[in-house]
C-alpha atoms as a PDB file:
ATOM      1  CA  MET A   1       0.000   0.000   0.000  1.00  0.00           C
ATOM      2  CA  THR A   2       2.755   2.454   0.872  1.00  0.00           C
ATOM      3  CA  GLY A   3       5.781   0.661  -0.582  1.00  0.00           C
ATOM      4  CA  ARG A   4       7.337   0.366   2.876  1.00  0.00           C
ATOM      5  CA  PHE A   5       7.731  -2.409   5.431  1.00  0.00           C
ATOM      6  CA  ALA A   6       6.151  -2.270   8.881  1.00  0.00           C
ATOM      7  CA  ASP A   7       8.253  -3.064  11.940  1.00  0.00           C
ATOM      8  CA  GLY A   8       7.967  -6.851  12.304  1.00  0.00           C
ATOM      9  CA  PRO A   9       8.373  -7.292  16.095  1.00  0.00           C
ATOM     10  CA  ILE A  10       5.883  -4.513  16.839  1.00  0.00           C
ATOM     11  CA  ALA A  11       3.400  -6.004  14.347  1.00  0.00           C
ATOM     12  CA  THR A  12       3.822  -9.406  16.010  1.00  0.00           C
ATOM     13  CA  LEU A  13       3.288  -7.922  19.469  1.00  0.00           C
ATOM     14  CA  SER A  14       0.198  -6.108  18.209  1.00  0.00           C
ATOM     15  CA  PHE A  15      -1.184  -9.357  16.755  1.00  0.00           C
ATOM     16  CA  TRP A  16      -0.707 -11.246  20.020  1.00  0.00           C
ATOM     17  CA  LEU A  17      -2.224  -8.438  22.103  1.00  0.00           C
ATOM     18  CA  ASN A  18      -5.298  -8.449  19.857  1.00  0.00           C
ATOM     19  CA  PHE A  19      -5.524 -12.255  19.876  1.00  0.00           C
ATOM     20  CA  ILE A  20      -5.243 -12.494  23.659  1.00  0.00           C
ATOM     21  CA  GLY A  21      -7.557  -9.510  24.188  1.00  0.00           C
ATOM     22  CA  VAL A  22     -10.315 -10.959  22.009  1.00  0.00           C
ATOM     23  CA  ASN A  23     -10.171 -14.273  23.866  1.00  0.00           C
ATOM     24  CA  VAL A  24     -10.069 -12.631  27.313  1.00  0.00           C
ATOM     25  CA  THR A  25     -12.994 -10.406  26.326  1.00  0.00           C
ATOM     26  CA  PHE A  26     -15.359 -12.843  24.681  1.00  0.00           C
ATOM     27  CA  TRP A  27     -14.829 -16.237  26.347  1.00  0.00           C
ATOM     28  CA  PRO A  28     -16.089 -15.003  29.742  1.00  0.00           C
ATOM     29  CA  LEU A  29     -19.102 -13.472  27.990  1.00  0.00           C
ATOM     30  CA  PHE A  30     -19.801 -16.746  26.182  1.00  0.00           C
ATOM     31  CA  ILE A  31     -19.587 -18.640  29.471  1.00  0.00           C
ATOM     32  CA  ILE A  32     -21.963 -16.412  31.437  1.00  0.00           C
ATOM     33  CA  GLY A  33     -24.324 -16.174  28.469  1.00  0.00           C
ATOM     34  CA  LYS A  34     -24.488 -19.961  28.364  1.00  0.00           C
ATOM     35  CA  GLU A  35     -25.265 -19.971  32.078  1.00  0.00           C
ATOM     36  CA  GLY A  36     -28.248 -17.650  31.626  1.00  0.00           C
ATOM     37  CA  MET A  37     -26.912 -14.110  31.956  1.00  0.00           C
ATOM     38  CA  PRO A  38     -29.500 -11.752  30.432  1.00  0.00           C
ATOM     39  CA  ARG A  39     -28.347  -8.870  28.264  1.00  0.00           C
ATOM     40  CA  ARG A  40     -28.591  -5.090  28.723  1.00  0.00           C
ATOM     41  CA  TYR A  41     -28.836  -4.875  32.513  1.00  0.00           C
ATOM     42  CA  TRP A  42     -27.281  -1.882  34.209  1.00  0.00           C
ATOM     43  CA  ASN A  43     -27.150  -3.566  37.618  1.00  0.00           C
ATOM     44  CA  TYR A  44     -26.279  -7.195  38.311  1.00  0.00           C
ATOM     45  CA  GLU A  45     -27.265  -7.251  42.015  1.00  0.00           C
ATOM     46  CA  MET A  46     -30.320  -9.409  41.331  1.00  0.00           C
ATOM     47  CA  PHE A  47     -27.957 -12.062  39.953  1.00  0.00           C
ATOM     48  CA  SER A  48     -25.530 -11.968  42.889  1.00  0.00           C
ATOM     49  CA  ASP A  49     -26.460 -15.503  43.970  1.00  0.00           C
ATOM     50  CA  PHE A  50     -25.720 -16.931  40.499  1.00  0.00           C
ATOM     51  CA  ARG A  51     -22.322 -18.586  40.332  1.00  0.00           C
ATOM     52  CA  VAL A  52     -20.336 -20.014  37.437  1.00  0.00           C
ATOM     53  CA  MET A  53     -17.365 -22.095  38.579  1.00  0.00           C
ATOM     54  CA  GLY A  54     -17.459 -20.219  41.894  1.00  0.00           C
ATOM     55  CA  TYR A  55     -17.423 -16.712  40.424  1.00  0.00           C
ATOM     56  CA  SER A  56     -20.264 -14.227  40.054  1.00  0.00           C
ATOM     57  CA  PHE A  57     -21.410 -12.809  36.731  1.00  0.00           C
ATOM     58  CA  GLU A  58     -19.915  -9.448  37.674  1.00  0.00           C
ATOM     59  CA  GLN A  59     -16.424 -10.930  37.965  1.00  0.00           C
ATOM     60  CA  TYR A  60     -16.724 -12.346  34.453  1.00  0.00           C
ATOM     61  CA  GLN A  61     -17.879  -8.940  33.203  1.00  0.00           C
ATOM     62  CA  THR A  62     -14.848  -7.325  34.865  1.00  0.00           C
ATOM     63  CA  LEU A  63     -12.519  -9.825  33.200  1.00  0.00           C
ATOM     64  CA  ALA A  64     -14.138  -9.045  29.839  1.00  0.00           C
ATOM     65  CA  THR A  65     -13.524  -5.336  30.449  1.00  0.00           C
ATOM     66  CA  TYR A  66      -9.821  -5.999  31.068  1.00  0.00           C
ATOM     67  CA  GLY A  67      -9.727  -7.946  27.819  1.00  0.00           C
ATOM     68  CA  SER A  68     -11.220  -5.014  25.932  1.00  0.00           C
ATOM     69  CA  TRP A  69      -8.427  -2.791  27.272  1.00  0.00           C
ATOM     70  CA  ILE A  70      -5.892  -5.293  25.937  1.00  0.00           C
ATOM     71  CA  ILE A  71      -7.592  -5.098  22.512  1.00  0.00           C
ATOM     72  CA  ALA A  72      -7.463  -1.289  22.644  1.00  0.00           C
ATOM     73  CA  LEU A  73      -3.740  -1.391  23.449  1.00  0.00           C
ATOM     74  CA  GLY A  74      -3.113  -3.759  20.535  1.00  0.00           C
ATOM     75  CA  MET A  75      -5.072  -1.544  18.130  1.00  0.00           C
ATOM     76  CA  VAL A  76      -3.270   1.624  19.231  1.00  0.00           C
ATOM     77  CA  LEU A  77       0.076  -0.135  18.797  1.00  0.00           C
ATOM     78  CA  GLN A  78      -0.984  -1.379  15.351  1.00  0.00           C
ATOM     79  CA  THR A  79      -2.070   2.111  14.273  1.00  0.00           C
ATOM     80  CA  ILE A  80       1.182   3.691  15.471  1.00  0.00           C
ATOM     81  CA  ASN A  81       3.171   0.994  13.662  1.00  0.00           C
ATOM     82  CA  PHE A  82       1.234   1.593  10.431  1.00  0.00           C
ATOM     83  CA  ILE A  83       1.743   5.355  10.563  1.00  0.00           C
ATOM     84  CA  TYR A  84       5.447   4.977  11.380  1.00  0.00           C
ATOM     85  CA  ALA A  85       5.912   2.473   8.542  1.00  0.00           C
ATOM     86  CA  ALA A  86       4.130   4.743   6.054  1.00  0.00           C
ATOM     87  CA  ILE A  87       6.336   7.694   6.977  1.00  0.00           C
ATOM     88  CA  ALA A  88       9.728   6.252   7.899  1.00  0.00           C
ATOM     89  CA  GLY A  89       9.583   2.497   7.298  1.00  0.00           C
ATOM     90  CA  LYS A  90      12.214   0.599   5.359  1.00  0.00           C
ATOM     91  CA  PRO A  91      11.418   0.867   1.622  1.00  0.00           C
ATOM     92  CA  ALA A  92      10.218  -2.375   0.049  1.00  0.00           C
ATOM     93  CA  SER A  93      11.920  -3.740  -3.052  1.00  0.00           C
ATOM     94  CA  LEU A  94       9.995  -4.245  -6.286  1.00  0.00           C
ATOM     95  CA  ASN A  95       9.414  -7.935  -5.514  1.00  0.00           C
ATOM     96  CA  PRO A  96      10.022  -8.411  -1.765  1.00  0.00           C
ATOM     97  CA  TRP A  97       8.821 -12.052  -1.715  1.00  0.00           C
ATOM     98  CA  ASN A  98      10.587 -13.141  -4.939  1.00  0.00           C
ATOM     99  CA  SER A  99       7.224 -14.247  -6.284  1.00  0.00           C
ATOM    100  CA  GLN A 100       6.926 -15.396  -9.884  1.00  0.00           C
ATOM    101  CA  SER A 101       3.313 -14.270 -10.317  1.00  0.00           C
ATOM    102  CA  LEU A 102       2.468 -11.603 -12.890  1.00  0.00           C
ATOM    103  CA  GLU A 103       1.503  -9.045 -10.261  1.00  0.00           C
ATOM    104  CA  TRP A 104       5.022  -9.013  -8.842  1.00  0.00           C
ATOM    105  CA  THR A 105       7.178  -9.638 -11.907  1.00  0.00           C
ATOM    106  CA  HIS A 106       5.571  -7.120 -14.286  1.00  0.00           C
ATOM    107  CA  THR A 107       4.706  -4.091 -12.169  1.00  0.00           C
ATOM    108  CA  GLU A 108       6.267  -1.808  -9.606  1.00  0.00           C
ATOM    109  CA  SER A 109       5.574  -1.654  -5.878  1.00  0.00           C
ATOM    110  CA  PRO A 110       3.387   0.166  -5.012  1.00  0.00           C
ATOM    111  CA  PRO A 111       1.617  -0.064  -8.369  1.00  0.00           C
ATOM    112  CA  GLY A 112       0.717   3.056 -10.273  1.00  0.00           C
ATOM    113  CA  PRO A 113      -2.636   3.804 -11.899  1.00  0.00           C
ATOM    114  CA  GLY A 114      -3.862   0.910 -13.999  1.00  0.00           C
ATOM    115  CA  ASN A 115      -1.390  -1.560 -12.443  1.00  0.00           C
ATOM    116  CA  PHE A 116       0.258  -2.630 -15.727  1.00  0.00           C
ATOM    117  CA  GLY A 117       1.632  -0.385 -18.473  1.00  0.00           C
ATOM    118  CA  ASP A 118       0.566  -2.777 -21.221  1.00  0.00           C
ATOM    119  CA  THR A 119      -0.868  -6.267 -21.632  1.00  0.00           C
ATOM    120  CA  ASP A 120       1.539  -8.845 -20.247  1.00  0.00           C
ATOM    121  CA  VAL A 121       2.282 -12.037 -22.118  1.00  0.00           C
ATOM    122  CA  VAL A 122       3.608 -15.175 -20.461  1.00  0.00           C
ATOM    123  CA  LEU A 123       6.421 -16.450 -22.681  1.00  0.00           C
ATOM    124  CA  ASP A 124       7.744 -19.296 -20.561  1.00  0.00           C
ATOM    125  CA  GLU A 125       5.734 -22.496 -21.094  1.00  0.00           C
ATOM    126  CA  ASN A 126       6.889 -23.827 -17.707  1.00  0.00           C
ATOM    127  CA  TRP A 127       5.710 -20.716 -15.887  1.00  0.00           C
ATOM    128  CA  SER A 128       3.964 -21.229 -12.571  1.00  0.00           C
ATOM    129  CA  PRO A 129       3.175 -18.694  -9.868  1.00  0.00           C
ATOM    130  CA  TYR A 130       4.464 -21.194  -7.304  1.00  0.00           C
ATOM    131  CA  ASN A 131       7.880 -21.761  -8.865  1.00  0.00           C
ATOM    132  CA  TYR A 132      10.150 -19.895  -6.470  1.00  0.00           C
ATOM    133  CA  ASN A 133      13.348 -21.494  -7.768  1.00  0.00           C
ATOM    134  CA  LYS A 134      13.583 -19.013 -10.642  1.00  0.00           C
ATOM    135  CA  GLY A 135      13.586 -15.839  -8.542  1.00  0.00           C
END
């Protein structure tokens, strides 16, 4: 999109924060929903005697809130990484993955308007987009 690489370790950290945050947010909600937690209540005092594995519904809701903060942290980190990569990231080469497909061998990165300057013709009869030995 920008012709630049994002920072790999930060992108990996962002992925794991989002993955963990989604699971910490939604699994407790699935569990208490399965146990009969009604939706859209502003006060859970009437359910204080309900227990799921020894914990009240409110404790599961609190855990889900912590998970949503983890998701927010992962998204902020991902956005910062994207902006940094677009401005000052390492420039990508024309074919950074050494792919043999037409998109990577016959156009520049990032592509200009219209993608290709003219109609491309495959001349090699043994051509395959999965043949990485040629690159």
